[in-house]
PDB file of N, CA and C in Angstrom:
ATOM      1  N   MET A   1      77.011 142.977 107.785  1.00  0.00           N
ATOM      2  CA  MET A   1      77.835 141.799 107.780  1.00  0.00           C
ATOM      3  C   MET A   1      77.441 140.844 108.899  1.00  0.00           C
ATOM      4  N   LEU A   2      76.922 141.383 109.985  1.00  0.00           N
ATOM      5  CA  LEU A   2      76.560 140.530 111.110  1.00  0.00           C
ATOM      6  C   LEU A   2      75.491 139.510 110.732  1.00  0.00           C
ATOM      7  N   GLY A   3      74.653 139.849 109.761  1.00  0.00           N
ATOM      8  CA  GLY A   3      73.598 138.944 109.329  1.00  0.00           C
ATOM      9  C   GLY A   3      74.114 137.688 108.654  1.00  0.00           C
ATOM     10  N   PHE A   4      75.421 137.643 108.359  1.00  0.00           N
ATOM     11  CA  PHE A   4      76.031 136.460 107.752  1.00  0.00           C
ATOM     12  C   PHE A   4      76.792 135.614 108.772  1.00  0.00           C
ATOM     13  N   ILE A   5      76.777 136.008 110.040  1.00  0.00           N
ATOM     14  CA  ILE A   5      77.586 135.323 111.048  1.00  0.00           C
ATOM     15  C   ILE A   5      76.707 134.438 111.932  1.00  0.00           C
ATOM     16  N   PRO A   6      76.934 133.116 111.881  1.00  0.00           N
ATOM     17  CA  PRO A   6      76.177 132.216 112.765  1.00  0.00           C
ATOM     18  C   PRO A   6      76.440 132.587 114.225  1.00  0.00           C
ATOM     19  N   GLY A   7      75.423 132.462 115.045  1.00  0.00           N
ATOM     20  CA  GLY A   7      75.545 132.822 116.455  1.00  0.00           C
ATOM     21  C   GLY A   7      74.989 134.213 116.698  1.00  0.00           C
ATOM     22  N   ILE A   8      75.426 135.171 115.916  1.00  0.00           N
ATOM     23  CA  ILE A   8      74.847 136.514 115.986  1.00  0.00           C
ATOM     24  C   ILE A   8      73.506 136.492 115.260  1.00  0.00           C
ATOM     25  N   THR A   9      73.450 135.680 114.201  1.00  0.00           N
ATOM     26  CA  THR A   9      72.205 135.452 113.480  1.00  0.00           C
ATOM     27  C   THR A   9      71.644 134.110 113.941  1.00  0.00           C
ATOM     28  N   THR A  10      70.494 134.151 114.599  1.00  0.00           N
ATOM     29  CA  THR A  10      69.867 132.921 115.072  1.00  0.00           C
ATOM     30  C   THR A  10      69.183 132.213 113.905  1.00  0.00           C
ATOM     31  N   ASP A  11      69.023 130.914 114.028  1.00  0.00           N
ATOM     32  CA  ASP A  11      68.430 130.085 112.973  1.00  0.00           C
ATOM     33  C   ASP A  11      69.140 130.308 111.634  1.00  0.00           C
ATOM     34  N   TYR A  12      70.472 130.380 111.701  1.00  0.00           N
ATOM     35  CA  TYR A  12      71.291 130.657 110.513  1.00  0.00           C
ATOM     36  C   TYR A  12      71.019 129.658 109.398  1.00  0.00           C
ATOM     37  N   GLY A  13      70.735 128.421 109.750  1.00  0.00           N
ATOM     38  CA  GLY A  13      70.448 127.403 108.749  1.00  0.00           C
ATOM     39  C   GLY A  13      69.177 127.676 107.967  1.00  0.00           C
ATOM     40  N   ALA A  14      68.314 128.547 108.500  1.00  0.00           N
ATOM     41  CA  ALA A  14      67.059 128.896 107.828  1.00  0.00           C
ATOM     42  C   ALA A  14      67.191 130.175 107.000  1.00  0.00           C
ATOM     43  N   LEU A  15      68.425 130.678 106.851  1.00  0.00           N
ATOM     44  CA  LEU A  15      68.670 131.868 106.041  1.00  0.00           C
ATOM     45  C   LEU A  15      68.372 131.558 104.573  1.00  0.00           C
ATOM     46  N   ARG A  16      67.542 132.356 103.937  1.00  0.00           N
ATOM     47  CA  ARG A  16      67.182 132.183 102.531  1.00  0.00           C
ATOM     48  C   ARG A  16      67.720 133.361 101.731  1.00  0.00           C
ATOM     49  N   PHE A  17      67.766 133.199 100.406  1.00  0.00           N
ATOM     50  CA  PHE A  17      68.253 134.305  99.581  1.00  0.00           C
ATOM     51  C   PHE A  17      67.331 135.513  99.703  1.00  0.00           C
ATOM     52  N   ALA A  18      66.034 135.294  99.627  1.00  0.00           N
ATOM     53  CA  ALA A  18      65.058 136.385  99.703  1.00  0.00           C
ATOM     54  C   ALA A  18      63.718 135.808 100.138  1.00  0.00           C
ATOM     55  N   GLY A  19      62.802 136.694 100.467  1.00  0.00           N
ATOM     56  CA  GLY A  19      61.442 136.276 100.779  1.00  0.00           C
ATOM     57  C   GLY A  19      61.160 136.172 102.259  1.00  0.00           C
ATOM     58  N   HIS A  20      59.874 136.221 102.572  1.00  0.00           N
ATOM     59  CA  HIS A  20      59.450 136.189 103.966  1.00  0.00           C
ATOM     60  C   HIS A  20      59.621 134.812 104.608  1.00  0.00           C
ATOM     61  N   GLU A  21      59.997 133.804 103.813  1.00  0.00           N
ATOM     62  CA  GLU A  21      60.185 132.458 104.355  1.00  0.00           C
ATOM     63  C   GLU A  21      61.485 132.335 105.155  1.00  0.00           C
ATOM     64  N   SER A  22      62.399 133.284 105.002  1.00  0.00           N
ATOM     65  CA  SER A  22      63.652 133.237 105.747  1.00  0.00           C
ATOM     66  C   SER A  22      63.348 133.350 107.238  1.00  0.00           C
ATOM     67  N   ALA A  23      63.824 132.395 108.011  1.00  0.00           N
ATOM     68  CA  ALA A  23      63.563 132.391 109.452  1.00  0.00           C
ATOM     69  C   ALA A  23      64.776 132.847 110.245  1.00  0.00           C
ATOM     70  N   ALA A  24      65.868 133.208 109.572  1.00  0.00           N
ATOM     71  CA  ALA A  24      67.065 133.687 110.261  1.00  0.00           C
ATOM     72  C   ALA A  24      66.791 135.076 110.830  1.00  0.00           C
ATOM     73  N   GLN A  25      67.327 135.321 112.042  1.00  0.00           N
ATOM     74  CA  GLN A  25      67.104 136.611 112.681  1.00  0.00           C
ATOM     75  C   GLN A  25      68.397 137.142 113.277  1.00  0.00           C
ATOM     76  N   LEU A  26      68.713 138.386 112.934  1.00  0.00           N
ATOM     77  CA  LEU A  26      69.860 139.070 113.508  1.00  0.00           C
ATOM     78  C   LEU A  26      69.545 139.391 114.957  1.00  0.00           C
ATOM     79  N   PHE A  27      70.411 138.959 115.864  1.00  0.00           N
ATOM     80  CA  PHE A  27      70.226 139.136 117.313  1.00  0.00           C
ATOM     81  C   PHE A  27      68.928 138.514 117.817  1.00  0.00           C
ATOM     82  N   GLY A  28      68.328 137.615 117.023  1.00  0.00           N
ATOM     83  CA  GLY A  28      67.074 136.992 117.401  1.00  0.00           C
ATOM     84  C   GLY A  28      65.890 137.943 117.307  1.00  0.00           C
ATOM     85  N   VAL A  29      66.058 139.101 116.638  1.00  0.00           N
ATOM     86  CA  VAL A  29      65.015 140.125 116.579  1.00  0.00           C
ATOM     87  C   VAL A  29      64.634 140.492 115.153  1.00  0.00           C
ATOM     88  N   PHE A  30      65.623 140.756 114.288  1.00  0.00           N
ATOM     89  CA  PHE A  30      65.385 141.284 112.948  1.00  0.00           C
ATOM     90  C   PHE A  30      65.484 140.166 111.912  1.00  0.00           C
ATOM     91  N   THR A  31      64.397 139.913 111.180  1.00  0.00           N
ATOM     92  CA  THR A  31      64.422 138.894 110.130  1.00  0.00           C
ATOM     93  C   THR A  31      65.369 139.340 109.019  1.00  0.00           C
ATOM     94  N   VAL A  32      66.249 138.436 108.603  1.00  0.00           N
ATOM     95  CA  VAL A  32      67.215 138.759 107.555  1.00  0.00           C
ATOM     96  C   VAL A  32      67.217 137.679 106.481  1.00  0.00           C
ATOM     97  N   SER A  33      67.738 138.057 105.324  1.00  0.00           N
ATOM     98  CA  SER A  33      67.957 137.139 104.216  1.00  0.00           C
ATOM     99  C   SER A  33      69.269 137.550 103.568  1.00  0.00           C
ATOM    100  N   VAL A  34      69.739 136.769 102.638  1.00  0.00           N
ATOM    101  CA  VAL A  34      70.967 137.134 101.931  1.00  0.00           C
ATOM    102  C   VAL A  34      70.762 138.471 101.220  1.00  0.00           C
ATOM    103  N   LEU A  35      69.623 138.642 100.547  1.00  0.00           N
ATOM    104  CA  LEU A  35      69.329 139.897  99.856  1.00  0.00           C
ATOM    105  C   LEU A  35      69.301 141.069 100.831  1.00  0.00           C
ATOM    106  N   HIS A  36      68.651 140.905 101.963  1.00  0.00           N
ATOM    107  CA  HIS A  36      68.562 141.951 102.985  1.00  0.00           C
ATOM    108  C   HIS A  36      69.966 142.347 103.444  1.00  0.00           C
ATOM    109  N   ASN A  37      70.805 141.350 103.723  1.00  0.00           N
ATOM    110  CA  ASN A  37      72.177 141.625 104.158  1.00  0.00           C
ATOM    111  C   ASN A  37      72.970 142.337 103.073  1.00  0.00           C
ATOM    112  N   MET A  38      72.789 141.913 101.826  1.00  0.00           N
ATOM    113  CA  MET A  38      73.520 142.534 100.717  1.00  0.00           C
ATOM    114  C   MET A  38      73.100 143.990 100.518  1.00  0.00           C
ATOM    115  N   VAL A  39      71.825 144.290 100.698  1.00  0.00           N
ATOM    116  CA  VAL A  39      71.351 145.672 100.577  1.00  0.00           C
ATOM    117  C   VAL A  39      72.013 146.539 101.647  1.00  0.00           C
ATOM    118  N   HIS A  40      72.083 146.035 102.870  1.00  0.00           N
ATOM    119  CA  HIS A  40      72.722 146.814 103.939  1.00  0.00           C
ATOM    120  C   HIS A  40      74.224 146.961 103.705  1.00  0.00           C
ATOM    121  N   LEU A  41      74.876 145.937 103.176  1.00  0.00           N
ATOM    122  CA  LEU A  41      76.297 146.060 102.835  1.00  0.00           C
ATOM    123  C   LEU A  41      76.505 147.119 101.749  1.00  0.00           C
ATOM    124  N   LEU A  42      75.664 147.117 100.731  1.00  0.00           N
ATOM    125  CA  LEU A  42      75.751 148.117  99.669  1.00  0.00           C
ATOM    126  C   LEU A  42      75.552 149.517 100.243  1.00  0.00           C
ATOM    127  N   PHE A  43      74.583 149.666 101.121  1.00  0.00           N
ATOM    128  CA  PHE A  43      74.318 150.954 101.769  1.00  0.00           C
ATOM    129  C   PHE A  43      75.562 151.423 102.522  1.00  0.00           C
ATOM    130  N   GLY A  44      76.205 150.509 103.222  1.00  0.00           N
ATOM    131  CA  GLY A  44      77.427 150.848 103.961  1.00  0.00           C
ATOM    132  C   GLY A  44      78.555 151.274 103.040  1.00  0.00           C
ATOM    133  N   VAL A  45      78.745 150.563 101.947  1.00  0.00           N
ATOM    134  CA  VAL A  45      79.798 150.916 100.977  1.00  0.00           C
ATOM    135  C   VAL A  45      79.519 152.300 100.392  1.00  0.00           C
ATOM    136  N   LEU A  46      78.268 152.568 100.035  1.00  0.00           N
ATOM    137  CA  LEU A  46      77.921 153.887  99.510  1.00  0.00           C
ATOM    138  C   LEU A  46      78.179 154.982 100.540  1.00  0.00           C
ATOM    139  N   GLY A  47      77.887 154.694 101.800  1.00  0.00           N
ATOM    140  CA  GLY A  47      78.142 155.659 102.865  1.00  0.00           C
ATOM    141  C   GLY A  47      79.627 155.959 103.031  1.00  0.00           C
ATOM    142  N   VAL A  48      80.455 154.926 102.956  1.00  0.00           N
ATOM    143  CA  VAL A  48      81.907 155.125 103.061  1.00  0.00           C
ATOM    144  C   VAL A  48      82.409 155.945 101.879  1.00  0.00           C
ATOM    145  N   LEU A  49      81.941 155.641 100.685  1.00  0.00           N
ATOM    146  CA  LEU A  49      82.348 156.405  99.498  1.00  0.00           C
ATOM    147  C   LEU A  49      81.887 157.859  99.594  1.00  0.00           C
ATOM    148  N   ALA A  50      80.683 158.073 100.094  1.00  0.00           N
ATOM    149  CA  ALA A  50      80.141 159.429 100.215  1.00  0.00           C
ATOM    150  C   ALA A  50      80.868 160.243 101.286  1.00  0.00           C
ATOM    151  N   ALA A  51      81.495 159.569 102.230  1.00  0.00           N
ATOM    152  CA  ALA A  51      82.164 160.263 103.338  1.00  0.00           C
ATOM    153  C   ALA A  51      83.382 161.058 102.886  1.00  0.00           C
ATOM    154  N   ARG A  52      83.776 160.901 101.651  1.00  0.00           N
ATOM    155  CA  ARG A  52      84.962 161.609 101.148  1.00  0.00           C
ATOM    156  C   ARG A  52      84.735 163.110 100.978  1.00  0.00           C
ATOM    157  N   ALA A  53      83.492 163.544 100.853  1.00  0.00           N
ATOM    158  CA  ALA A  53      83.207 164.965 100.637  1.00  0.00           C
ATOM    159  C   ALA A  53      81.966 165.368 101.420  1.00  0.00           C
ATOM    160  N   ASN A  54      81.973 166.590 101.937  1.00  0.00           N
ATOM    161  CA  ASN A  54      80.839 167.069 102.732  1.00  0.00           C
ATOM    162  C   ASN A  54      79.523 166.984 101.974  1.00  0.00           C
ATOM    163  N   GLY A  55      79.500 167.482 100.747  1.00  0.00           N
ATOM    164  CA  GLY A  55      78.264 167.485  99.974  1.00  0.00           C
ATOM    165  C   GLY A  55      77.744 166.085  99.712  1.00  0.00           C
ATOM    166  N   ALA A  56      78.656 165.180  99.371  1.00  0.00           N
ATOM    167  CA  ALA A  56      78.255 163.797  99.096  1.00  0.00           C
ATOM    168  C   ALA A  56      77.748 163.116 100.363  1.00  0.00           C
ATOM    169  N   SER A  57      78.416 163.372 101.472  1.00  0.00           N
ATOM    170  CA  SER A  57      77.966 162.729 102.715  1.00  0.00           C
ATOM    171  C   SER A  57      76.619 163.281 103.156  1.00  0.00           C
ATOM    172  N   ARG A  58      76.435 164.576 102.965  1.00  0.00           N
ATOM    173  CA  ARG A  58      75.142 165.183 103.312  1.00  0.00           C
ATOM    174  C   ARG A  58      74.039 164.618 102.417  1.00  0.00           C
ATOM    175  N   ALA A  59      74.313 164.480 101.122  1.00  0.00           N
ATOM    176  CA  ALA A  59      73.333 163.903 100.193  1.00  0.00           C
ATOM    177  C   ALA A  59      73.033 162.455 100.572  1.00  0.00           C
ATOM    178  N   PHE A  60      74.070 161.690 100.931  1.00  0.00           N
ATOM    179  CA  PHE A  60      73.855 160.310 101.352  1.00  0.00           C
ATOM    180  C   PHE A  60      72.949 160.248 102.578  1.00  0.00           C
ATOM    181  N   LEU A  61      73.218 161.112 103.557  1.00  0.00           N
ATOM    182  CA  LEU A  61      72.394 161.115 104.770  1.00  0.00           C
ATOM    183  C   LEU A  61      70.943 161.461 104.455  1.00  0.00           C
ATOM    184  N   MET A  62      70.733 162.491 103.658  1.00  0.00           N
ATOM    185  CA  MET A  62      69.367 162.934 103.366  1.00  0.00           C
ATOM    186  C   MET A  62      68.626 161.929 102.475  1.00  0.00           C
ATOM    187  N   LEU A  63      69.266 161.507 101.388  1.00  0.00           N
ATOM    188  CA  LEU A  63      68.607 160.568 100.473  1.00  0.00           C
ATOM    189  C   LEU A  63      68.479 159.176 101.100  1.00  0.00           C
ATOM    190  N   GLY A  64      69.538 158.722 101.749  1.00  0.00           N
ATOM    191  CA  GLY A  64      69.493 157.423 102.417  1.00  0.00           C
ATOM    192  C   GLY A  64      68.448 157.396 103.518  1.00  0.00           C
ATOM    193  N   GLY A  65      68.361 158.497 104.278  1.00  0.00           N
ATOM    194  CA  GLY A  65      67.327 158.597 105.310  1.00  0.00           C
ATOM    195  C   GLY A  65      65.944 158.531 104.706  1.00  0.00           C
ATOM    196  N   GLY A  66      65.779 159.179 103.548  1.00  0.00           N
ATOM    197  CA  GLY A  66      64.495 159.115 102.853  1.00  0.00           C
ATOM    198  C   GLY A  66      64.155 157.704 102.410  1.00  0.00           C
ATOM    199  N   VAL A  67      65.159 156.973 101.938  1.00  0.00           N
ATOM    200  CA  VAL A  67      64.942 155.576 101.530  1.00  0.00           C
ATOM    201  C   VAL A  67      64.490 154.746 102.730  1.00  0.00           C
ATOM    202  N   TYR A  68      65.147 154.944 103.875  1.00  0.00           N
ATOM    203  CA  TYR A  68      64.756 154.189 105.068  1.00  0.00           C
ATOM    204  C   TYR A  68      63.339 154.540 105.515  1.00  0.00           C
ATOM    205  N   VAL A  69      62.953 155.806 105.435  1.00  0.00           N
ATOM    206  CA  VAL A  69      61.579 156.186 105.790  1.00  0.00           C
ATOM    207  C   VAL A  69      60.589 155.537 104.817  1.00  0.00           C
ATOM    208  N   LEU A  70      60.930 155.503 103.525  1.00  0.00           N
ATOM    209  CA  LEU A  70      60.060 154.824 102.558  1.00  0.00           C
ATOM    210  C   LEU A  70      59.960 153.327 102.845  1.00  0.00           C
ATOM    211  N   LEU A  71      61.067 152.706 103.267  1.00  0.00           N
ATOM    212  CA  LEU A  71      61.021 151.284 103.654  1.00  0.00           C
ATOM    213  C   LEU A  71      60.104 151.081 104.855  1.00  0.00           C
ATOM    214  N   TRP A  72      60.115 152.029 105.789  1.00  0.00           N
ATOM    215  CA  TRP A  72      59.226 151.961 106.950  1.00  0.00           C
ATOM    216  C   TRP A  72      57.771 151.981 106.488  1.00  0.00           C
ATOM    217  N   VAL A  73      57.445 152.918 105.596  1.00  0.00           N
ATOM    218  CA  VAL A  73      56.071 153.022 105.082  1.00  0.00           C
ATOM    219  C   VAL A  73      55.701 151.735 104.340  1.00  0.00           C
ATOM    220  N   PHE A  74      56.605 151.248 103.488  1.00  0.00           N
ATOM    221  CA  PHE A  74      56.366 150.008 102.753  1.00  0.00           C
ATOM    222  C   PHE A  74      56.118 148.849 103.715  1.00  0.00           C
ATOM    223  N   GLY A  75      56.944 148.748 104.747  1.00  0.00           N
ATOM    224  CA  GLY A  75      56.799 147.672 105.724  1.00  0.00           C
ATOM    225  C   GLY A  75      55.486 147.722 106.479  1.00  0.00           C
ATOM    226  N   LEU A  76      55.023 148.933 106.791  1.00  0.00           N
ATOM    227  CA  LEU A  76      53.746 149.071 107.490  1.00  0.00           C
ATOM    228  C   LEU A  76      52.567 148.761 106.579  1.00  0.00           C
ATOM    229  N   ALA A  77      52.702 149.097 105.294  1.00  0.00           N
ATOM    230  CA  ALA A  77      51.580 148.976 104.367  1.00  0.00           C
ATOM    231  C   ALA A  77      51.361 147.564 103.845  1.00  0.00           C
ATOM    232  N   MET A  78      52.406 146.744 103.807  1.00  0.00           N
ATOM    233  CA  MET A  78      52.254 145.420 103.194  1.00  0.00           C
ATOM    234  C   MET A  78      52.063 144.328 104.251  1.00  0.00           C
ATOM    235  N   ASP A  79      51.516 143.239 103.797  1.00  0.00           N
ATOM    236  CA  ASP A  79      51.359 142.053 104.634  1.00  0.00           C
ATOM    237  C   ASP A  79      52.716 141.345 104.691  1.00  0.00           C
ATOM    238  N   HIS A  80      53.259 141.184 105.878  1.00  0.00           N
ATOM    239  CA  HIS A  80      54.584 140.576 106.035  1.00  0.00           C
ATOM    240  C   HIS A  80      54.636 139.120 105.570  1.00  0.00           C
ATOM    241  N   ASP A  81      53.508 138.483 105.407  1.00  0.00           N
ATOM    242  CA  ASP A  81      53.470 137.098 104.934  1.00  0.00           C
ATOM    243  C   ASP A  81      53.172 136.990 103.438  1.00  0.00           C
ATOM    244  N   SER A  82      53.224 138.117 102.733  1.00  0.00           N
ATOM    245  CA  SER A  82      52.919 138.103 101.297  1.00  0.00           C
ATOM    246  C   SER A  82      54.197 138.034 100.463  1.00  0.00           C
ATOM    247  N   LYS A  83      54.031 137.779  99.173  1.00  0.00           N
ATOM    248  CA  LYS A  83      55.176 137.749  98.254  1.00  0.00           C
ATOM    249  C   LYS A  83      55.802 139.126  98.100  1.00  0.00           C
ATOM    250  N   ALA A  84      55.074 140.181  98.430  1.00  0.00           N
ATOM    251  CA  ALA A  84      55.619 141.538  98.364  1.00  0.00           C
ATOM    252  C   ALA A  84      56.754 141.723  99.366  1.00  0.00           C
ATOM    253  N   ASN A  85      56.803 140.869 100.369  1.00  0.00           N
ATOM    254  CA  ASN A  85      57.835 140.953 101.401  1.00  0.00           C
ATOM    255  C   ASN A  85      59.067 140.183 100.950  1.00  0.00           C
ATOM    256  N   PHE A  86      59.668 140.620  99.864  1.00  0.00           N
ATOM    257  CA  PHE A  86      60.792 139.891  99.263  1.00  0.00           C
ATOM    258  C   PHE A  86      62.123 140.183  99.936  1.00  0.00           C
ATOM    259  N   ILE A  87      62.211 141.218 100.775  1.00  0.00           N
ATOM    260  CA  ILE A  87      63.520 141.624 101.321  1.00  0.00           C
ATOM    261  C   ILE A  87      64.018 140.681 102.426  1.00  0.00           C
ATOM    262  N   PRO A  88      63.461 140.234 103.425  1.00  0.00           N
ATOM    263  CA  PRO A  88      62.158 140.391 104.060  1.00  0.00           C
ATOM    264  C   PRO A  88      62.193 141.463 105.158  1.00  0.00           C
ATOM    265  N   LEU A  89      61.018 141.926 105.549  1.00  0.00           N
ATOM    266  CA  LEU A  89      60.873 142.901 106.621  1.00  0.00           C
ATOM    267  C   LEU A  89      59.944 142.313 107.682  1.00  0.00           C
ATOM    268  N   ASP A  90      60.123 142.761 108.910  1.00  0.00           N
ATOM    269  CA  ASP A  90      59.202 142.414 109.989  1.00  0.00           C
ATOM    270  C   ASP A  90      58.957 143.677 110.807  1.00  0.00           C
ATOM    271  N   ASN A  91      58.165 143.587 111.869  1.00  0.00           N
ATOM    272  CA  ASN A  91      57.838 144.777 112.660  1.00  0.00           C
ATOM    273  C   ASN A  91      59.082 145.432 113.239  1.00  0.00           C
ATOM    274  N   ALA A  92      60.030 144.635 113.719  1.00  0.00           N
ATOM    275  CA  ALA A  92      61.254 145.199 114.277  1.00  0.00           C
ATOM    276  C   ALA A  92      62.037 145.947 113.200  1.00  0.00           C
ATOM    277  N   ASP A  93      62.124 145.369 111.999  1.00  0.00           N
ATOM    278  CA  ASP A  93      62.800 146.042 110.881  1.00  0.00           C
ATOM    279  C   ASP A  93      62.102 147.358 110.547  1.00  0.00           C
ATOM    280  N   ASP A  94      60.781 147.333 110.529  1.00  0.00           N
ATOM    281  CA  ASP A  94      60.028 148.537 110.178  1.00  0.00           C
ATOM    282  C   ASP A  94      60.405 149.694 111.099  1.00  0.00           C
ATOM    283  N   TRP A  95      60.384 149.460 112.403  1.00  0.00           N
ATOM    284  CA  TRP A  95      60.654 150.539 113.354  1.00  0.00           C
ATOM    285  C   TRP A  95      62.137 150.921 113.366  1.00  0.00           C
ATOM    286  N   LEU A  96      63.016 149.963 113.106  1.00  0.00           N
ATOM    287  CA  LEU A  96      64.435 150.294 112.972  1.00  0.00           C
ATOM    288  C   LEU A  96      64.648 151.187 111.752  1.00  0.00           C
ATOM    289  N   HIS A  97      63.957 150.897 110.650  1.00  0.00           N
ATOM    290  CA  HIS A  97      64.083 151.727 109.454  1.00  0.00           C
ATOM    291  C   HIS A  97      63.599 153.147 109.715  1.00  0.00           C
ATOM    292  N   LEU A  98      62.526 153.306 110.481  1.00  0.00           N
ATOM    293  CA  LEU A  98      62.071 154.655 110.828  1.00  0.00           C
ATOM    294  C   LEU A  98      63.130 155.379 111.648  1.00  0.00           C
ATOM    295  N   ALA A  99      63.664 154.710 112.664  1.00  0.00           N
ATOM    296  CA  ALA A  99      64.680 155.344 113.513  1.00  0.00           C
ATOM    297  C   ALA A  99      65.923 155.722 112.702  1.00  0.00           C
ATOM    298  N   LEU A 100      66.386 154.810 111.845  1.00  0.00           N
ATOM    299  CA  LEU A 100      67.547 155.115 111.004  1.00  0.00           C
ATOM    300  C   LEU A 100      67.259 156.270 110.062  1.00  0.00           C
ATOM    301  N   GLY A 101      66.094 156.256 109.436  1.00  0.00           N
ATOM    302  CA  GLY A 101      65.736 157.323 108.504  1.00  0.00           C
ATOM    303  C   GLY A 101      65.698 158.680 109.167  1.00  0.00           C
ATOM    304  N   VAL A 102      65.033 158.767 110.301  1.00  0.00           N
ATOM    305  CA  VAL A 102      64.937 160.040 111.024  1.00  0.00           C
ATOM    306  C   VAL A 102      66.322 160.495 111.493  1.00  0.00           C
ATOM    307  N   ALA A 103      67.121 159.566 112.013  1.00  0.00           N
ATOM    308  CA  ALA A 103      68.468 159.918 112.485  1.00  0.00           C
ATOM    309  C   ALA A 103      69.348 160.399 111.331  1.00  0.00           C
ATOM    310  N   MET A 104      69.274 159.735 110.187  1.00  0.00           N
ATOM    311  CA  MET A 104      70.093 160.142 109.041  1.00  0.00           C
ATOM    312  C   MET A 104      69.668 161.508 108.509  1.00  0.00           C
ATOM    313  N   ILE A 105      68.383 161.747 108.388  1.00  0.00           N
ATOM    314  CA  ILE A 105      67.904 163.048 107.918  1.00  0.00           C
ATOM    315  C   ILE A 105      68.298 164.141 108.908  1.00  0.00           C
ATOM    316  N   ALA A 106      68.140 163.866 110.198  1.00  0.00           N
ATOM    317  CA  ALA A 106      68.531 164.844 111.221  1.00  0.00           C
ATOM    318  C   ALA A 106      70.028 165.143 111.151  1.00  0.00           C
ATOM    319  N   ALA A 107      70.842 164.113 110.919  1.00  0.00           N
ATOM    320  CA  ALA A 107      72.291 164.327 110.802  1.00  0.00           C
ATOM    321  C   ALA A 107      72.618 165.155 109.566  1.00  0.00           C
ATOM    322  N   GLY A 108      71.914 164.921 108.473  1.00  0.00           N
ATOM    323  CA  GLY A 108      72.122 165.727 107.270  1.00  0.00           C
ATOM    324  C   GLY A 108      71.773 167.188 107.493  1.00  0.00           C
ATOM    325  N   ILE A 109      70.680 167.437 108.194  1.00  0.00           N
ATOM    326  CA  ILE A 109      70.272 168.813 108.509  1.00  0.00           C
ATOM    327  C   ILE A 109      71.272 169.443 109.475  1.00  0.00           C
ATOM    328  N   ALA A 110      71.684 168.690 110.495  1.00  0.00           N
ATOM    329  CA  ALA A 110      72.610 169.219 111.493  1.00  0.00           C
ATOM    330  C   ALA A 110      73.967 169.568 110.884  1.00  0.00           C
ATOM    331  N   THR A 111      74.473 168.724 109.996  1.00  0.00           N
ATOM    332  CA  THR A 111      75.778 169.025 109.394  1.00  0.00           C
ATOM    333  C   THR A 111      75.698 170.250 108.493  1.00  0.00           C
ATOM    334  N   THR A 112      74.559 170.455 107.858  1.00  0.00           N
ATOM    335  CA  THR A 112      74.372 171.663 107.056  1.00  0.00           C
ATOM    336  C   THR A 112      74.387 172.893 107.957  1.00  0.00           C
ATOM    337  N   ALA A 113      73.689 172.825 109.083  1.00  0.00           N
ATOM    338  CA  ALA A 113      73.637 173.948 110.020  1.00  0.00           C
ATOM    339  C   ALA A 113      75.018 174.260 110.587  1.00  0.00           C
ATOM    340  N   VAL A 114      75.780 173.241 110.917  1.00  0.00           N
ATOM    341  CA  VAL A 114      77.126 173.446 111.457  1.00  0.00           C
ATOM    342  C   VAL A 114      78.017 174.115 110.415  1.00  0.00           C
ATOM    343  N   ASP A 115      77.967 173.619 109.188  1.00  0.00           N
ATOM    344  CA  ASP A 115      78.777 174.226 108.119  1.00  0.00           C
ATOM    345  C   ASP A 115      78.373 175.669 107.865  1.00  0.00           C
ATOM    346  N   ARG A 116      77.093 175.957 107.895  1.00  0.00           N
ATOM    347  CA  ARG A 116      76.647 177.343 107.698  1.00  0.00           C
ATOM    348  C   ARG A 116      77.127 178.227 108.835  1.00  0.00           C
ATOM    349  N   ALA A 117      77.072 177.722 110.060  1.00  0.00           N
ATOM    350  CA  ALA A 117      77.544 178.500 111.198  1.00  0.00           C
ATOM    351  C   ALA A 117      79.043 178.796 111.093  1.00  0.00           C
ATOM    352  N   ARG A 118      79.787 177.923 110.490  1.00  0.00           N
ATOM    353  CA  ARG A 118      81.228 178.111 110.293  1.00  0.00           C
ATOM    354  C   ARG A 118      81.531 178.926 109.038  1.00  0.00           C
ATOM    355  N   GLY A 119      80.491 179.250 108.268  1.00  0.00           N
ATOM    356  CA  GLY A 119      80.683 179.994 107.038  1.00  0.00           C
ATOM    357  C   GLY A 119      81.219 179.142 105.898  1.00  0.00           C
ATOM    358  N   GLN A 120      81.103 177.824 106.023  1.00  0.00           N
ATOM    359  CA  GLN A 120      81.649 176.907 105.021  1.00  0.00           C
ATOM    360  C   GLN A 120      80.605 176.414 104.033  1.00  0.00           C
ATOM    361  N   TYR A 121      79.406 176.885 104.158  1.00  0.00           N
ATOM    362  CA  TYR A 121      78.324 176.406 103.290  1.00  0.00           C
ATOM    363  C   TYR A 121      77.472 177.624 102.963  1.00  0.00           C
ATOM    364  N   PRO A 122      77.235 177.917 101.696  1.00  0.00           N
ATOM    365  CA  PRO A 122      76.495 179.139 101.364  1.00  0.00           C
ATOM    366  C   PRO A 122      75.055 179.094 101.853  1.00  0.00           C
ATOM    367  N   GLU A 123      74.567 180.242 102.243  1.00  0.00           N
ATOM    368  CA  GLU A 123      73.158 180.366 102.616  1.00  0.00           C
ATOM    369  C   GLU A 123      72.306 180.091 101.378  1.00  0.00           C
ATOM    370  N   PRO A 124      71.084 179.599 101.532  1.00  0.00           N
ATOM    371  CA  PRO A 124      70.244 179.278 100.371  1.00  0.00           C
ATOM    372  C   PRO A 124      70.100 180.428  99.387  1.00  0.00           C
ATOM    373  N   GLU A 125      69.954 181.658  99.884  1.00  0.00           N
ATOM    374  CA  GLU A 125      69.754 182.779  98.983  1.00  0.00           C
ATOM    375  C   GLU A 125      71.023 183.172  98.231  1.00  0.00           C
ATOM    376  N   LYS A 126      72.187 182.692  98.651  1.00  0.00           N
ATOM    377  CA  LYS A 126      73.453 183.019  97.987  1.00  0.00           C
ATOM    378  C   LYS A 126      73.885 181.940  96.984  1.00  0.00           C
ATOM    379  N   GLN A 127      73.195 180.845  96.946  1.00  0.00           N
ATOM    380  CA  GLN A 127      73.563 179.777  96.024  1.00  0.00           C
ATOM    381  C   GLN A 127      73.224 180.186  94.601  1.00  0.00           C
ATOM    382  N   GLY A 128      74.121 179.906  93.696  1.00  0.00           N
ATOM    383  CA  GLY A 128      73.891 180.161  92.294  1.00  0.00           C
ATOM    384  C   GLY A 128      74.207 181.579  91.859  1.00  0.00           C
ATOM    385  N   HIS A 129      74.728 182.404  92.754  1.00  0.00           N
ATOM    386  CA  HIS A 129      75.077 183.789  92.382  1.00  0.00           C
ATOM    387  C   HIS A 129      76.562 183.938  92.239  1.00  0.00           C
TER     388      HIS A 129
END
């Protein structure tokens, strides 16, 4: 949501719906667009919905973390000035996506370990029996 707020988003008047032409930057660091902001809002809504159950939240953390790691790879592999950069992404976004992805996957693994230690989550060999 911060990407829609003038002042927090610099060059707000240069905010575009999509594409690398958007010159708006969250905190003056992360290039954003309306599409980019909407994707993050959707991610947040899905996270809140998934928080209702342990399994769903764990799946959200693991799958969402994987999506962020894939975005990192995509951001590194493509030319930021090309039409492929429709979200848009920049170097700061790329490294933030890696950090978010790793943190989310680690949280998914950690919550599984905690539940297993409490006896609230079946061991892999006991699943399906």
